[in-house]
Amino acid sequence: MHLIKDNLVIREATTDDAQILCNWWNDGMIMAHAGYPEGLGTTVQETLDMLQTAAGCDHRRILEIDGMPIGEMNFRIFAGHCAEIGIKICNFNHYNQGLGSAFLTMLISSLFKQMEIQKIILDTNLKNYRAQHVYEKLGFRKVAVHHDSWRNQLGELQSSVDYELTKENYVVEASAD
């Protein structure tokens, strides 16, 4: 899957992306929402290994604008009809520009149309209001909230929210073309 819309590109992550992924994953400001306020502490070699071994099941993508990597997304397919997705805009200069919505629209449209997925699921930190706004704008429905259900790497209790989107509830599919 290689998706292009105007100056936005979603492309497969390759071993050439290991350094930038490693940099993003080790940045606590980028990873705090995922429970790693001190970053993952991963090495380039570990990132390379992950890219090489996860190729079949975890579809990792690089998000580019004007040819420059600004973030990542991934998806996994379950039982042939359900996908779990995730997204991170990793370059803070590109926050609040609607890029998360644009990239998600590209991916979601492709999953529903080309891959014939019927339902997409995801979760996010309950404090990640920006992400929740985007998901709900795209038609995702909140299905569960898990209060104080996990601890971040500092031992602080965290809460999460689960979302799902069915093909029928996808509100921007028609405008994505």
N, C-alpha and C. Protein backbone atom coordinates (compact mmCIF):
# COMPACT_ATOMS: atom_id res chain seq x y z
N MET A 1 0.85 -1.18 0.00
CA MET A 1 0.00 0.00 0.00
C MET A 1 0.89 1.24 0.00
N HIS A 2 0.76 2.01 -1.04
CA HIS A 2 1.45 3.29 -1.18
C HIS A 2 0.37 4.29 -1.56
N LEU A 3 0.07 5.22 -0.65
CA LEU A 3 -1.04 6.14 -0.87
C LEU A 3 -0.52 7.56 -1.05
N ILE A 4 -1.08 8.26 -2.02
CA ILE A 4 -0.68 9.63 -2.31
C ILE A 4 -1.93 10.48 -2.48
N LYS A 5 -1.94 11.63 -1.84
CA LYS A 5 -2.99 12.62 -2.06
C LYS A 5 -2.33 13.99 -1.96
N ASP A 6 -2.30 14.68 -3.07
CA ASP A 6 -1.62 15.98 -3.16
C ASP A 6 -0.17 15.81 -2.71
N ASN A 7 0.24 16.53 -1.67
CA ASN A 7 1.64 16.44 -1.20
C ASN A 7 1.81 15.48 -0.02
N LEU A 8 0.78 14.71 0.28
CA LEU A 8 0.83 13.76 1.39
C LEU A 8 1.07 12.35 0.85
N VAL A 9 1.97 11.62 1.52
CA VAL A 9 2.29 10.26 1.11
C VAL A 9 2.29 9.36 2.34
N ILE A 10 1.68 8.20 2.19
CA ILE A 10 1.79 7.12 3.17
C ILE A 10 2.52 6.01 2.46
N ARG A 11 3.70 5.67 2.96
CA ARG A 11 4.50 4.63 2.31
C ARG A 11 4.98 3.63 3.33
N GLU A 12 5.37 2.47 2.83
CA GLU A 12 5.87 1.41 3.70
C GLU A 12 7.17 1.86 4.37
N ALA A 13 7.30 1.58 5.66
CA ALA A 13 8.55 1.84 6.36
C ALA A 13 9.57 0.80 5.91
N THR A 14 10.78 1.25 5.64
CA THR A 14 11.84 0.35 5.21
C THR A 14 12.99 0.42 6.22
N THR A 15 13.98 -0.41 6.01
CA THR A 15 15.15 -0.38 6.90
C THR A 15 15.85 0.97 6.85
N ASP A 16 15.70 1.71 5.76
CA ASP A 16 16.26 3.06 5.68
C ASP A 16 15.61 4.01 6.67
N ASP A 17 14.44 3.66 7.21
CA ASP A 17 13.72 4.50 8.16
C ASP A 17 14.06 4.18 9.61
N ALA A 18 14.91 3.19 9.84
CA ALA A 18 15.20 2.75 11.21
C ALA A 18 15.71 3.88 12.09
N GLN A 19 16.59 4.71 11.59
CA GLN A 19 17.16 5.78 12.41
C GLN A 19 16.10 6.79 12.83
N ILE A 20 15.27 7.23 11.88
CA ILE A 20 14.26 8.23 12.23
C ILE A 20 13.21 7.64 13.17
N LEU A 21 12.80 6.37 12.93
CA LEU A 21 11.86 5.73 13.85
C LEU A 21 12.47 5.63 15.24
N CYS A 22 13.74 5.23 15.31
CA CYS A 22 14.43 5.13 16.59
C CYS A 22 14.46 6.48 17.29
N ASN A 23 14.76 7.54 16.55
CA ASN A 23 14.77 8.89 17.14
C ASN A 23 13.40 9.25 17.70
N TRP A 24 12.35 9.00 16.92
CA TRP A 24 11.00 9.32 17.38
C TRP A 24 10.64 8.50 18.61
N TRP A 25 10.91 7.19 18.58
CA TRP A 25 10.52 6.30 19.68
C TRP A 25 11.31 6.59 20.95
N ASN A 26 12.47 7.18 20.84
CA ASN A 26 13.27 7.51 22.02
C ASN A 26 13.00 8.91 22.55
N ASP A 27 12.13 9.65 21.90
CA ASP A 27 11.78 11.00 22.31
C ASP A 27 10.56 10.93 23.24
N GLY A 28 10.77 11.25 24.51
CA GLY A 28 9.71 11.17 25.50
C GLY A 28 8.53 12.07 25.22
N MET A 29 8.77 13.22 24.59
CA MET A 29 7.65 14.11 24.26
C MET A 29 6.74 13.48 23.22
N ILE A 30 7.31 12.75 22.28
CA ILE A 30 6.52 12.09 21.25
C ILE A 30 5.81 10.87 21.81
N MET A 31 6.48 10.15 22.70
CA MET A 31 5.97 8.86 23.18
C MET A 31 5.17 8.92 24.49
N ALA A 32 5.07 10.09 25.09
CA ALA A 32 4.38 10.20 26.40
C ALA A 32 2.95 9.68 26.34
N HIS A 33 2.21 10.01 25.27
CA HIS A 33 0.81 9.58 25.17
C HIS A 33 0.67 8.06 25.16
N ALA A 34 1.73 7.36 24.75
CA ALA A 34 1.70 5.90 24.69
C ALA A 34 2.25 5.25 25.95
N GLY A 35 2.58 6.08 26.95
CA GLY A 35 3.04 5.54 28.22
C GLY A 35 4.54 5.55 28.40
N TYR A 36 5.25 6.23 27.52
CA TYR A 36 6.72 6.26 27.57
C TYR A 36 7.24 7.69 27.61
N PRO A 37 7.02 8.40 28.73
CA PRO A 37 7.48 9.80 28.81
C PRO A 37 9.00 9.95 28.81
N GLU A 38 9.71 8.85 28.94
CA GLU A 38 11.17 8.89 28.83
C GLU A 38 11.64 8.24 27.53
N GLY A 39 10.72 7.96 26.62
CA GLY A 39 11.05 7.30 25.37
C GLY A 39 11.21 5.80 25.57
N LEU A 40 11.34 5.09 24.47
CA LEU A 40 11.44 3.63 24.53
C LEU A 40 12.83 3.13 24.91
N GLY A 41 13.85 3.92 24.61
CA GLY A 41 15.21 3.47 24.89
C GLY A 41 15.64 2.36 23.94
N THR A 42 15.16 2.40 22.72
CA THR A 42 15.48 1.37 21.74
C THR A 42 16.72 1.77 20.93
N THR A 43 17.33 0.80 20.32
CA THR A 43 18.51 1.06 19.48
C THR A 43 18.11 0.98 18.01
N VAL A 44 18.97 1.50 17.17
CA VAL A 44 18.73 1.40 15.73
C VAL A 44 18.68 -0.07 15.31
N GLN A 45 19.56 -0.89 15.88
CA GLN A 45 19.56 -2.32 15.53
C GLN A 45 18.25 -2.99 15.93
N GLU A 46 17.74 -2.67 17.12
CA GLU A 46 16.45 -3.24 17.55
C GLU A 46 15.32 -2.79 16.61
N THR A 47 15.39 -1.54 16.17
CA THR A 47 14.39 -1.03 15.24
C THR A 47 14.50 -1.74 13.90
N LEU A 48 15.72 -1.94 13.42
CA LEU A 48 15.93 -2.70 12.19
C LEU A 48 15.36 -4.10 12.31
N ASP A 49 15.65 -4.76 13.42
CA ASP A 49 15.15 -6.12 13.64
C ASP A 49 13.63 -6.14 13.63
N MET A 50 12.99 -5.16 14.28
CA MET A 50 11.53 -5.09 14.31
C MET A 50 10.98 -4.90 12.91
N LEU A 51 11.59 -4.02 12.14
CA LEU A 51 11.11 -3.79 10.78
C LEU A 51 11.21 -5.05 9.92
N GLN A 52 12.25 -5.82 10.14
CA GLN A 52 12.45 -7.03 9.33
C GLN A 52 11.57 -8.18 9.77
N THR A 53 11.30 -8.32 11.07
CA THR A 53 10.51 -9.47 11.54
C THR A 53 9.02 -9.21 11.54
N ALA A 54 8.59 -7.96 11.63
CA ALA A 54 7.16 -7.65 11.71
C ALA A 54 6.53 -7.41 10.35
N ALA A 55 7.29 -7.60 9.30
CA ALA A 55 6.82 -7.23 7.96
C ALA A 55 5.49 -7.89 7.59
N GLY A 56 5.24 -9.11 7.99
CA GLY A 56 4.04 -9.81 7.56
C GLY A 56 2.77 -9.45 8.31
N CYS A 57 2.88 -9.05 9.58
CA CYS A 57 1.67 -8.85 10.37
C CYS A 57 1.44 -7.41 10.80
N ASP A 58 2.51 -6.67 11.06
CA ASP A 58 2.38 -5.29 11.50
C ASP A 58 2.81 -4.40 10.34
N HIS A 59 1.86 -3.77 9.73
CA HIS A 59 2.11 -2.94 8.55
C HIS A 59 2.47 -1.53 9.01
N ARG A 60 3.76 -1.24 9.11
CA ARG A 60 4.24 0.07 9.57
C ARG A 60 4.44 0.97 8.37
N ARG A 61 3.93 2.20 8.47
CA ARG A 61 3.99 3.16 7.40
C ARG A 61 4.64 4.47 7.87
N ILE A 62 5.28 5.15 6.94
CA ILE A 62 5.86 6.46 7.20
C ILE A 62 4.95 7.49 6.55
N LEU A 63 4.69 8.58 7.27
CA LEU A 63 3.87 9.68 6.78
C LEU A 63 4.81 10.78 6.29
N GLU A 64 4.60 11.21 5.06
CA GLU A 64 5.45 12.26 4.50
C GLU A 64 4.61 13.41 3.99
N ILE A 65 5.16 14.60 4.14
CA ILE A 65 4.59 15.78 3.52
C ILE A 65 5.71 16.44 2.73
N ASP A 66 5.45 16.68 1.47
CA ASP A 66 6.47 17.24 0.57
C ASP A 66 7.77 16.45 0.63
N GLY A 67 7.67 15.13 0.73
CA GLY A 67 8.84 14.26 0.72
C GLY A 67 9.59 14.16 2.04
N MET A 68 9.12 14.83 3.09
CA MET A 68 9.79 14.79 4.38
C MET A 68 8.99 13.95 5.38
N PRO A 69 9.63 12.97 6.02
CA PRO A 69 8.93 12.16 7.04
C PRO A 69 8.53 13.03 8.23
N ILE A 70 7.24 12.95 8.60
CA ILE A 70 6.76 13.72 9.74
C ILE A 70 6.06 12.86 10.78
N GLY A 71 5.89 11.58 10.48
CA GLY A 71 5.19 10.72 11.43
C GLY A 71 5.09 9.30 10.93
N GLU A 72 4.33 8.51 11.68
CA GLU A 72 4.18 7.10 11.34
C GLU A 72 2.76 6.64 11.63
N MET A 73 2.39 5.56 10.99
CA MET A 73 1.13 4.89 11.32
C MET A 73 1.34 3.40 11.08
N ASN A 74 0.46 2.62 11.66
CA ASN A 74 0.53 1.18 11.45
C ASN A 74 -0.87 0.60 11.45
N PHE A 75 -0.96 -0.61 10.90
CA PHE A 75 -2.23 -1.33 10.98
C PHE A 75 -1.95 -2.82 11.00
N ARG A 76 -2.87 -3.54 11.64
CA ARG A 76 -2.86 -5.00 11.69
C ARG A 76 -4.25 -5.47 11.29
N ILE A 77 -4.30 -6.56 10.55
CA ILE A 77 -5.59 -7.09 10.12
C ILE A 77 -5.87 -8.37 10.90
N PHE A 78 -7.09 -8.45 11.44
CA PHE A 78 -7.54 -9.61 12.21
C PHE A 78 -8.69 -10.28 11.48
N ALA A 79 -8.64 -11.58 11.39
CA ALA A 79 -9.75 -12.38 10.85
C ALA A 79 -10.20 -11.90 9.47
N GLY A 80 -9.32 -11.20 8.76
CA GLY A 80 -9.62 -10.80 7.39
C GLY A 80 -10.58 -9.66 7.21
N HIS A 81 -11.24 -9.20 8.26
CA HIS A 81 -12.25 -8.15 8.08
C HIS A 81 -12.14 -7.01 9.09
N CYS A 82 -11.26 -7.11 10.05
CA CYS A 82 -11.11 -6.08 11.08
C CYS A 82 -9.65 -5.63 11.11
N ALA A 83 -9.45 -4.32 11.22
CA ALA A 83 -8.09 -3.77 11.30
C ALA A 83 -7.96 -2.93 12.55
N GLU A 84 -6.79 -3.01 13.17
CA GLU A 84 -6.43 -2.13 14.28
C GLU A 84 -5.39 -1.16 13.74
N ILE A 85 -5.59 0.14 14.01
CA ILE A 85 -4.69 1.14 13.47
C ILE A 85 -4.11 2.01 14.58
N GLY A 86 -3.02 2.70 14.24
CA GLY A 86 -2.40 3.67 15.12
C GLY A 86 -1.72 4.73 14.27
N ILE A 87 -1.59 5.93 14.83
CA ILE A 87 -0.96 7.04 14.10
C ILE A 87 -0.25 7.94 15.09
N LYS A 88 0.87 8.50 14.64
CA LYS A 88 1.61 9.51 15.41
C LYS A 88 2.17 10.55 14.46
N ILE A 89 1.81 11.79 14.65
CA ILE A 89 2.50 12.89 13.98
C ILE A 89 3.66 13.21 14.92
N CYS A 90 4.88 13.01 14.45
CA CYS A 90 6.06 13.09 15.31
C CYS A 90 6.80 14.43 15.21
N ASN A 91 6.47 15.21 14.22
CA ASN A 91 7.09 16.52 14.05
C ASN A 91 6.12 17.57 14.58
N PHE A 92 6.46 18.18 15.71
CA PHE A 92 5.55 19.11 16.38
C PHE A 92 5.21 20.32 15.52
N ASN A 93 6.05 20.65 14.53
CA ASN A 93 5.75 21.77 13.64
C ASN A 93 4.53 21.48 12.77
N HIS A 94 4.11 20.24 12.71
CA HIS A 94 2.98 19.86 11.87
C HIS A 94 1.73 19.52 12.68
N TYR A 95 1.72 19.88 13.95
CA TYR A 95 0.52 19.70 14.77
C TYR A 95 -0.51 20.77 14.39
N ASN A 96 -1.77 20.44 14.64
CA ASN A 96 -2.88 21.38 14.47
C ASN A 96 -3.00 21.93 13.06
N GLN A 97 -2.67 21.12 12.07
CA GLN A 97 -2.81 21.52 10.67
C GLN A 97 -3.78 20.61 9.93
N GLY A 98 -4.43 19.70 10.64
CA GLY A 98 -5.37 18.78 10.00
C GLY A 98 -4.71 17.60 9.32
N LEU A 99 -3.41 17.42 9.52
CA LEU A 99 -2.70 16.33 8.85
C LEU A 99 -3.09 14.96 9.40
N GLY A 100 -3.34 14.86 10.69
CA GLY A 100 -3.77 13.59 11.25
C GLY A 100 -5.06 13.12 10.60
N SER A 101 -6.02 14.04 10.47
CA SER A 101 -7.28 13.71 9.81
C SER A 101 -7.06 13.32 8.36
N ALA A 102 -6.20 14.05 7.66
CA ALA A 102 -5.95 13.78 6.25
C ALA A 102 -5.31 12.41 6.06
N PHE A 103 -4.27 12.12 6.85
CA PHE A 103 -3.61 10.81 6.73
C PHE A 103 -4.54 9.67 7.12
N LEU A 104 -5.30 9.87 8.18
CA LEU A 104 -6.25 8.83 8.60
C LEU A 104 -7.30 8.59 7.52
N THR A 105 -7.79 9.65 6.91
CA THR A 105 -8.78 9.51 5.84
C THR A 105 -8.21 8.69 4.69
N MET A 106 -6.96 8.94 4.33
CA MET A 106 -6.32 8.17 3.26
C MET A 106 -6.25 6.70 3.62
N LEU A 107 -5.78 6.40 4.84
CA LEU A 107 -5.64 5.00 5.26
C LEU A 107 -7.00 4.32 5.38
N ILE A 108 -7.92 4.96 6.07
CA ILE A 108 -9.23 4.36 6.31
C ILE A 108 -9.95 4.07 5.00
N SER A 109 -9.91 5.03 4.08
CA SER A 109 -10.56 4.82 2.78
C SER A 109 -9.95 3.62 2.07
N SER A 110 -8.64 3.49 2.12
CA SER A 110 -7.98 2.36 1.49
C SER A 110 -8.35 1.04 2.15
N LEU A 111 -8.38 1.03 3.48
CA LEU A 111 -8.73 -0.20 4.19
C LEU A 111 -10.15 -0.64 3.85
N PHE A 112 -11.09 0.31 3.83
CA PHE A 112 -12.47 -0.04 3.54
C PHE A 112 -12.68 -0.39 2.06
N LYS A 113 -12.05 0.32 1.15
CA LYS A 113 -12.31 0.11 -0.28
C LYS A 113 -11.43 -0.98 -0.89
N GLN A 114 -10.12 -0.84 -0.77
CA GLN A 114 -9.23 -1.78 -1.44
C GLN A 114 -9.05 -3.09 -0.67
N MET A 115 -9.04 -3.03 0.65
CA MET A 115 -8.77 -4.23 1.43
C MET A 115 -10.04 -4.87 1.98
N GLU A 116 -11.18 -4.23 1.73
CA GLU A 116 -12.49 -4.76 2.11
C GLU A 116 -12.63 -5.01 3.61
N ILE A 117 -11.99 -4.18 4.40
CA ILE A 117 -12.14 -4.23 5.86
C ILE A 117 -13.55 -3.74 6.20
N GLN A 118 -14.16 -4.34 7.21
CA GLN A 118 -15.51 -3.96 7.63
C GLN A 118 -15.53 -3.12 8.91
N LYS A 119 -14.47 -3.27 9.74
CA LYS A 119 -14.42 -2.54 11.01
C LYS A 119 -12.97 -2.20 11.33
N ILE A 120 -12.77 -0.99 11.86
CA ILE A 120 -11.45 -0.53 12.29
C ILE A 120 -11.53 -0.19 13.76
N ILE A 121 -10.54 -0.65 14.52
CA ILE A 121 -10.50 -0.37 15.96
C ILE A 121 -9.19 0.35 16.29
N LEU A 122 -9.21 1.07 17.40
CA LEU A 122 -8.02 1.73 17.92
C LEU A 122 -8.27 2.10 19.36
N ASP A 123 -7.19 2.47 20.05
CA ASP A 123 -7.34 3.00 21.40
C ASP A 123 -6.38 4.17 21.56
N THR A 124 -6.65 4.98 22.56
CA THR A 124 -5.79 6.12 22.85
C THR A 124 -5.87 6.44 24.33
N ASN A 125 -4.91 7.19 24.79
CA ASN A 125 -4.92 7.65 26.17
C ASN A 125 -6.13 8.56 26.37
N LEU A 126 -6.82 8.39 27.48
CA LEU A 126 -8.02 9.17 27.76
C LEU A 126 -7.72 10.67 27.81
N LYS A 127 -6.47 11.04 28.11
CA LYS A 127 -6.09 12.45 28.15
C LYS A 127 -5.73 13.01 26.78
N ASN A 128 -5.70 12.18 25.77
CA ASN A 128 -5.32 12.62 24.42
C ASN A 128 -6.57 13.16 23.72
N TYR A 129 -6.99 14.35 24.13
CA TYR A 129 -8.22 14.94 23.63
C TYR A 129 -8.14 15.28 22.14
N ARG A 130 -6.97 15.70 21.68
CA ARG A 130 -6.79 16.05 20.27
C ARG A 130 -7.09 14.83 19.39
N ALA A 131 -6.53 13.68 19.77
CA ALA A 131 -6.77 12.46 18.99
C ALA A 131 -8.24 12.07 19.04
N GLN A 132 -8.84 12.14 20.21
CA GLN A 132 -10.25 11.76 20.34
C GLN A 132 -11.13 12.63 19.45
N HIS A 133 -10.83 13.92 19.39
CA HIS A 133 -11.60 14.82 18.53
C HIS A 133 -11.51 14.38 17.06
N VAL A 134 -10.31 14.06 16.62
CA VAL A 134 -10.11 13.62 15.23
C VAL A 134 -10.86 12.32 14.97
N TYR A 135 -10.73 11.34 15.86
CA TYR A 135 -11.39 10.05 15.66
C TYR A 135 -12.90 10.22 15.58
N GLU A 136 -13.46 11.00 16.49
CA GLU A 136 -14.91 11.18 16.51
C GLU A 136 -15.39 11.96 15.29
N LYS A 137 -14.58 12.90 14.82
CA LYS A 137 -14.92 13.65 13.60
C LYS A 137 -15.00 12.71 12.39
N LEU A 138 -14.17 11.67 12.38
CA LEU A 138 -14.16 10.72 11.27
C LEU A 138 -15.23 9.64 11.39
N GLY A 139 -15.98 9.64 12.51
CA GLY A 139 -17.06 8.67 12.68
C GLY A 139 -16.78 7.56 13.65
N PHE A 140 -15.59 7.54 14.27
CA PHE A 140 -15.31 6.52 15.28
C PHE A 140 -16.26 6.68 16.45
N ARG A 141 -16.65 5.56 17.01
CA ARG A 141 -17.56 5.52 18.15
C ARG A 141 -16.81 5.01 19.36
N LYS A 142 -16.94 5.71 20.46
CA LYS A 142 -16.32 5.30 21.72
C LYS A 142 -17.06 4.06 22.22
N VAL A 143 -16.32 2.95 22.45
CA VAL A 143 -16.98 1.72 22.87
C VAL A 143 -16.62 1.32 24.30
N ALA A 144 -15.53 1.84 24.84
CA ALA A 144 -15.16 1.50 26.22
C ALA A 144 -14.14 2.49 26.74
N VAL A 145 -14.23 2.74 28.04
CA VAL A 145 -13.23 3.54 28.74
C VAL A 145 -12.68 2.68 29.87
N HIS A 146 -11.39 2.62 29.96
CA HIS A 146 -10.71 1.81 30.97
C HIS A 146 -9.98 2.76 31.91
N HIS A 147 -10.60 3.04 33.07
CA HIS A 147 -10.03 3.98 34.03
C HIS A 147 -8.93 3.32 34.85
N ASP A 148 -7.82 4.05 34.99
CA ASP A 148 -6.69 3.59 35.81
C ASP A 148 -6.36 2.11 35.54
N SER A 149 -6.26 1.76 34.27
CA SER A 149 -6.11 0.36 33.88
C SER A 149 -4.68 -0.05 33.54
N TRP A 150 -3.77 0.90 33.48
CA TRP A 150 -2.38 0.58 33.18
C TRP A 150 -1.48 1.68 33.72
N ARG A 151 -0.20 1.38 33.81
CA ARG A 151 0.77 2.35 34.33
C ARG A 151 1.78 2.69 33.25
N ASN A 152 2.12 3.98 33.19
CA ASN A 152 3.16 4.37 32.25
C ASN A 152 4.52 3.97 32.83
N GLN A 153 5.61 4.26 32.13
CA GLN A 153 6.92 3.80 32.58
C GLN A 153 7.38 4.48 33.86
N LEU A 154 6.68 5.54 34.28
CA LEU A 154 6.99 6.20 35.56
C LEU A 154 6.14 5.64 36.70
N GLY A 155 5.28 4.68 36.38
CA GLY A 155 4.42 4.06 37.39
C GLY A 155 3.12 4.80 37.64
N GLU A 156 2.84 5.82 36.83
CA GLU A 156 1.62 6.60 37.01
C GLU A 156 0.44 5.90 36.35
N LEU A 157 -0.68 5.82 37.08
CA LEU A 157 -1.88 5.20 36.52
C LEU A 157 -2.39 5.98 35.32
N GLN A 158 -2.80 5.27 34.31
CA GLN A 158 -3.31 5.85 33.08
C GLN A 158 -4.64 5.22 32.72
N SER A 159 -5.42 5.95 31.95
CA SER A 159 -6.70 5.46 31.46
C SER A 159 -6.68 5.50 29.93
N SER A 160 -7.47 4.63 29.34
CA SER A 160 -7.53 4.58 27.88
C SER A 160 -8.97 4.50 27.41
N VAL A 161 -9.16 4.79 26.15
CA VAL A 161 -10.49 4.73 25.54
C VAL A 161 -10.37 3.92 24.25
N ASP A 162 -11.31 3.01 24.05
CA ASP A 162 -11.37 2.18 22.84
C ASP A 162 -12.39 2.79 21.87
N TYR A 163 -12.02 2.76 20.60
CA TYR A 163 -12.90 3.27 19.54
C TYR A 163 -13.06 2.21 18.47
N GLU A 164 -14.19 2.30 17.74
CA GLU A 164 -14.38 1.48 16.56
C GLU A 164 -15.09 2.29 15.49
N LEU A 165 -14.82 1.91 14.27
CA LEU A 165 -15.43 2.55 13.12
C LEU A 165 -15.84 1.46 12.15
N THR A 166 -17.11 1.43 11.81
CA THR A 166 -17.57 0.47 10.80
C THR A 166 -17.63 1.19 9.46
N LYS A 167 -17.61 0.41 8.43
CA LYS A 167 -17.68 0.97 7.08
C LYS A 167 -18.92 1.84 6.93
N GLU A 168 -20.02 1.43 7.52
CA GLU A 168 -21.28 2.18 7.41
C GLU A 168 -21.23 3.52 8.13
N ASN A 169 -20.41 3.63 9.19
CA ASN A 169 -20.35 4.86 9.98
C ASN A 169 -19.23 5.81 9.57
N TYR A 170 -18.51 5.47 8.54
CA TYR A 170 -17.39 6.30 8.10
C TYR A 170 -17.93 7.54 7.42
N VAL A 171 -17.83 8.70 8.09
CA VAL A 171 -18.52 9.90 7.65
C VAL A 171 -17.79 10.69 6.58
N VAL A 172 -16.51 10.48 6.37
CA VAL A 172 -15.80 11.29 5.40
C VAL A 172 -15.38 10.50 4.17
N GLU A 173 -15.84 9.28 4.05
CA GLU A 173 -15.40 8.42 2.94
C GLU A 173 -15.69 9.10 1.60
N ALA A 174 -16.85 9.64 1.43
CA ALA A 174 -17.22 10.22 0.15
C ALA A 174 -16.36 11.45 -0.17
N SER A 175 -16.01 12.24 0.84
CA SER A 175 -15.21 13.45 0.59
C SER A 175 -13.73 13.14 0.47
N ALA A 176 -13.32 11.89 0.74
CA ALA A 176 -11.90 11.54 0.67
C ALA A 176 -11.42 11.32 -0.75
N ASP A 177 -12.31 11.18 -1.69
CA ASP A 177 -11.92 10.89 -3.08
C ASP A 177 -11.62 12.16 -3.84
